[in-house]
Amino acid sequence: MKGMRVRVGGFKGYPVNETVRDNGGVGVLHITNQRVCFAGADHSVAIPYNKMISIQGFETGFSIQTTNEKKPGIFTVNHPELTVQLLNLASSGAAEKEPPKARRKKLPAAV
C-alpha cells in the first residue's frame, strides 16, 4: 500500500553496568554542629545530620548515605579515621541537642 510504513523493532545498543565516580574537585570540608558541608570549585554539597543514614570509612576517605539519594556521597580525605570519628561525634551531639519541633494547634472553626 502506498504511504504505509512497517517498522521492525530492534535494539542496536548494549546495556552498560558500570559505576563512574564524578570528581567534585578539591575543596574544603566543613563539619558543623548541624551539617557537613563540602565547598569545592566545581560542586558544593550540604548534608544535614538528620538526613544521614550511615557513615562508612574506607582506606582513602569516607562515604555518607543519605535518605534522599540512591548513591552515597564519597569523599577522599587525608585522615579518614579521624574525620569519621569527628562526624560520628558531631552527628550524635546534634541529635541529642535538637529540640523537638512544636506542632501547630488547630484553631476552632469560626461559626
Protein backbone atom coordinates (compact mmCIF):
# COMPACT_ATOMS: atom_id res chain seq x y z
CA MET A 1 0.00 0.00 0.00
CA LYS A 2 1.15 3.47 -0.71
CA GLY A 3 2.10 5.65 2.31
CA MET A 4 2.25 2.77 4.79
CA ARG A 5 5.37 2.10 6.83
CA VAL A 6 6.33 -1.03 8.64
CA ARG A 7 8.82 -0.80 11.46
CA VAL A 8 10.53 -3.91 12.65
CA GLY A 9 11.68 -3.34 16.24
CA GLY A 10 15.26 -3.90 17.11
CA PHE A 11 17.82 -2.79 19.65
CA LYS A 12 21.30 -1.99 18.41
CA GLY A 13 22.70 -0.78 21.72
CA TYR A 14 24.01 -2.66 24.72
CA PRO A 15 23.48 -2.13 28.45
CA VAL A 16 26.34 -0.71 30.50
CA ASN A 17 26.64 -1.90 34.09
CA GLU A 18 29.36 0.36 35.40
CA THR A 19 29.69 2.89 38.20
CA VAL A 20 31.57 6.06 37.37
CA ARG A 21 32.79 8.44 40.06
CA ASP A 22 32.39 12.10 39.27
CA ASN A 23 35.27 14.18 40.57
CA GLY A 24 33.84 17.11 42.51
CA GLY A 25 37.21 18.82 42.64
CA VAL A 26 39.40 19.91 45.50
CA GLY A 27 37.73 21.91 48.24
CA VAL A 28 37.14 22.43 51.94
CA LEU A 29 35.16 20.06 54.15
CA HIS A 30 33.29 21.82 56.97
CA ILE A 31 31.94 19.81 59.91
CA THR A 32 29.48 21.92 61.91
CA ASN A 33 27.03 21.12 64.70
CA GLN A 34 24.15 20.81 62.18
CA ARG A 35 25.59 19.53 58.90
CA VAL A 36 28.59 18.51 56.82
CA CYS A 37 29.44 20.91 54.00
CA PHE A 38 31.83 20.49 51.11
CA ALA A 39 32.72 23.64 49.18
CA GLY A 40 34.66 22.88 46.03
CA ALA A 41 35.47 24.69 42.82
CA ASP A 42 33.01 22.60 40.77
CA HIS A 43 30.47 21.34 43.31
CA SER A 44 29.15 22.30 46.73
CA VAL A 45 27.21 19.93 48.98
CA ALA A 46 25.48 20.39 52.35
CA ILE A 47 24.30 17.25 54.17
CA PRO A 48 22.26 17.77 57.36
CA TYR A 49 22.80 15.19 60.11
CA ASN A 50 19.08 14.36 60.28
CA LYS A 51 19.24 13.17 56.62
CA MET A 52 22.23 10.85 57.20
CA ILE A 53 21.63 7.11 57.36
CA SER A 54 25.21 5.88 57.68
CA ILE A 55 28.83 6.97 57.60
CA GLN A 56 31.38 4.43 56.40
CA GLY A 57 35.12 4.93 56.36
CA PHE A 58 37.50 3.26 53.94
CA GLU A 59 41.22 3.39 53.16
CA THR A 60 41.38 6.82 51.49
CA GLY A 61 38.17 8.53 52.63
CA PHE A 62 34.59 8.02 53.72
CA SER A 63 31.09 7.76 52.31
CA ILE A 64 27.81 9.18 53.57
CA GLN A 65 24.48 7.55 52.72
CA THR A 66 21.51 9.92 52.93
CA THR A 67 17.75 9.42 52.88
CA ASN A 68 17.12 11.32 49.65
CA GLU A 69 19.91 9.86 47.47
CA LYS A 70 20.27 6.38 45.98
CA LYS A 71 24.05 6.57 45.80
CA PRO A 72 26.29 7.62 48.69
CA GLY A 73 28.45 10.72 48.67
CA ILE A 74 32.10 9.67 48.57
CA PHE A 75 34.76 11.99 49.97
CA THR A 76 38.54 11.48 49.82
CA VAL A 77 40.45 12.98 52.77
CA ASN A 78 43.96 12.74 54.24
CA HIS A 79 42.92 11.31 57.63
CA PRO A 80 39.74 9.28 57.13
CA GLU A 81 39.76 7.63 60.58
CA LEU A 82 39.86 10.99 62.36
CA THR A 83 37.26 12.52 60.04
CA VAL A 84 34.80 9.64 60.53
CA GLN A 85 35.21 9.87 64.33
CA LEU A 86 34.57 13.63 64.21
CA LEU A 87 31.48 13.09 62.06
CA ASN A 88 30.14 10.43 64.42
CA LEU A 89 30.67 12.70 67.43
CA ALA A 90 29.15 15.74 65.74
CA SER A 91 26.12 13.87 64.40
CA SER A 92 25.39 12.17 67.74
CA GLY A 93 25.67 15.52 69.55
CA ALA A 94 23.34 17.18 67.05
CA ALA A 95 20.67 14.53 67.62
CA GLU A 96 20.83 14.96 71.41
CA LYS A 97 20.70 18.77 71.38
CA GLU A 98 17.99 19.14 68.75
CA PRO A 99 14.79 20.36 70.44
CA PRO A 100 11.52 18.72 69.45
CA LYS A 101 9.55 20.59 66.83
CA ALA A 102 6.50 22.45 68.09
CA ARG A 103 3.25 21.40 66.48
CA ARG A 104 0.69 23.89 65.38
CA LYS A 105 -2.58 23.85 67.22
CA LYS A 106 -5.74 23.81 65.21
CA LEU A 107 -7.88 26.87 65.69
CA PRO A 108 -11.55 26.35 66.45
CA ALA A 109 -13.79 26.65 63.43
CA ALA A 110 -15.49 30.02 63.02
CA VAL A 111 -19.24 29.85 63.45
